[in-house]
Amino acid sequence: MLDNRDATPLPGWLNDLANSGLAPLAGLAGALREDRHAVDQGISTPYNSGVNEGRITDVKLQKA
């Protein structure tokens, strides 16, 4: 999904997680379903905030 930026298989993948029998994976599936629109956008868009997050972390570490 991520390499192709295609969120089409996401519902099936979330169902597989939810039905895995493993509570942490089922919880992850539930959390991702709560903000499904944002997850779809995160998969399908080429943009991310990785660079900004790294700088924010640097600033926080400098203040500590």
C-alpha atoms as a PDB file:
ATOM      1  CA  MET A   1       0.000   0.000   0.000  1.00  0.00           C
ATOM      2  CA  LEU A   2       2.662   2.497   0.980  1.00  0.00           C
ATOM      3  CA  ASP A   3       5.042   1.850  -1.910  1.00  0.00           C
ATOM      4  CA  ASN A   4       2.223   2.254  -4.429  1.00  0.00           C
ATOM      5  CA  ARG A   5       0.402   5.011  -2.514  1.00  0.00           C
ATOM      6  CA  ASP A   6      -2.786   3.019  -2.945  1.00  0.00           C
ATOM      7  CA  ALA A   7      -5.183   2.888   0.022  1.00  0.00           C
ATOM      8  CA  THR A   8      -7.649   0.598  -1.779  1.00  0.00           C
ATOM      9  CA  PRO A   9      -6.576  -2.566   0.137  1.00  0.00           C
ATOM     10  CA  LEU A  10      -6.807  -0.769   3.510  1.00  0.00           C
ATOM     11  CA  PRO A  11     -10.290  -2.014   4.521  1.00  0.00           C
ATOM     12  CA  GLY A  12      -9.316  -5.646   3.957  1.00  0.00           C
ATOM     13  CA  TRP A  13      -6.035  -5.166   5.789  1.00  0.00           C
ATOM     14  CA  LEU A  14      -7.847  -3.594   8.747  1.00  0.00           C
ATOM     15  CA  ASN A  15     -10.299  -6.512   8.787  1.00  0.00           C
ATOM     16  CA  ASP A  16      -7.380  -8.943   8.837  1.00  0.00           C
ATOM     17  CA  LEU A  17      -5.871  -7.086  11.796  1.00  0.00           C
ATOM     18  CA  ALA A  18      -9.178  -6.994  13.652  1.00  0.00           C
ATOM     19  CA  ASN A  19      -9.702 -10.729  13.106  1.00  0.00           C
ATOM     20  CA  SER A  20      -6.118 -11.742  13.916  1.00  0.00           C
ATOM     21  CA  GLY A  21      -6.981 -12.784  17.459  1.00  0.00           C
ATOM     22  CA  LEU A  22      -4.229 -10.531  18.795  1.00  0.00           C
ATOM     23  CA  ALA A  23      -5.576  -7.728  20.972  1.00  0.00           C
ATOM     24  CA  PRO A  24      -2.849  -5.164  20.116  1.00  0.00           C
ATOM     25  CA  LEU A  25      -3.434  -5.605  16.382  1.00  0.00           C
ATOM     26  CA  ALA A  26      -7.198  -5.421  16.803  1.00  0.00           C
ATOM     27  CA  GLY A  27      -6.704  -2.224  18.805  1.00  0.00           C
ATOM     28  CA  LEU A  28      -4.529  -0.766  16.069  1.00  0.00           C
ATOM     29  CA  ALA A  29      -7.205  -1.580  13.494  1.00  0.00           C
ATOM     30  CA  GLY A  30      -9.819   0.181  15.609  1.00  0.00           C
ATOM     31  CA  ALA A  31      -7.642   3.249  16.063  1.00  0.00           C
ATOM     32  CA  LEU A  32      -6.908   3.483  12.342  1.00  0.00           C
ATOM     33  CA  ARG A  33     -10.605   3.136  11.522  1.00  0.00           C
ATOM     34  CA  GLU A  34     -11.458   6.061  13.816  1.00  0.00           C
ATOM     35  CA  ASP A  35      -9.514   8.438  11.583  1.00  0.00           C
ATOM     36  CA  ARG A  36      -9.824   6.554   8.322  1.00  0.00           C
ATOM     37  CA  HIS A  37      -9.851   9.677   6.159  1.00  0.00           C
ATOM     38  CA  ALA A  38      -6.491  10.817   7.537  1.00  0.00           C
ATOM     39  CA  VAL A  39      -5.020   7.335   7.119  1.00  0.00           C
ATOM     40  CA  ASP A  40      -6.193   7.216   3.498  1.00  0.00           C
ATOM     41  CA  GLN A  41      -4.615  10.616   2.857  1.00  0.00           C
ATOM     42  CA  GLY A  42      -1.395   9.606   4.594  1.00  0.00           C
ATOM     43  CA  ILE A  43      -1.076   6.579   2.338  1.00  0.00           C
ATOM     44  CA  SER A  44      -2.060   8.232  -0.930  1.00  0.00           C
ATOM     45  CA  THR A  45      -0.289  11.594  -0.722  1.00  0.00           C
ATOM     46  CA  PRO A  46       3.433  12.025  -1.427  1.00  0.00           C
ATOM     47  CA  TYR A  47       3.720  14.717   1.260  1.00  0.00           C
ATOM     48  CA  ASN A  48       4.734  14.112   4.875  1.00  0.00           C
ATOM     49  CA  SER A  49       5.893  16.065   7.894  1.00  0.00           C
ATOM     50  CA  GLY A  50       8.963  13.953   8.606  1.00  0.00           C
ATOM     51  CA  VAL A  51      11.453  16.798   8.241  1.00  0.00           C
ATOM     52  CA  ASN A  52       9.420  19.062  10.517  1.00  0.00           C
ATOM     53  CA  GLU A  53       8.999  16.349  13.128  1.00  0.00           C
ATOM     54  CA  GLY A  54      12.743  15.830  13.202  1.00  0.00           C
ATOM     55  CA  ARG A  55      13.403  19.534  13.746  1.00  0.00           C
ATOM     56  CA  ILE A  56      10.749  19.750  16.468  1.00  0.00           C
ATOM     57  CA  THR A  57      12.397  16.842  18.266  1.00  0.00           C
ATOM     58  CA  ASP A  58      15.790  18.550  17.991  1.00  0.00           C
ATOM     59  CA  VAL A  59      14.393  21.757  19.505  1.00  0.00           C
ATOM     60  CA  LYS A  60      12.727  19.842  22.357  1.00  0.00           C
ATOM     61  CA  LEU A  61      15.962  17.996  23.124  1.00  0.00           C
ATOM     62  CA  GLN A  62      17.955  21.244  23.163  1.00  0.00           C
ATOM     63  CA  LYS A  63      15.589  22.788  25.713  1.00  0.00           C
ATOM     64  CA  ALA A  64      15.789  19.782  28.064  1.00  0.00           C
END
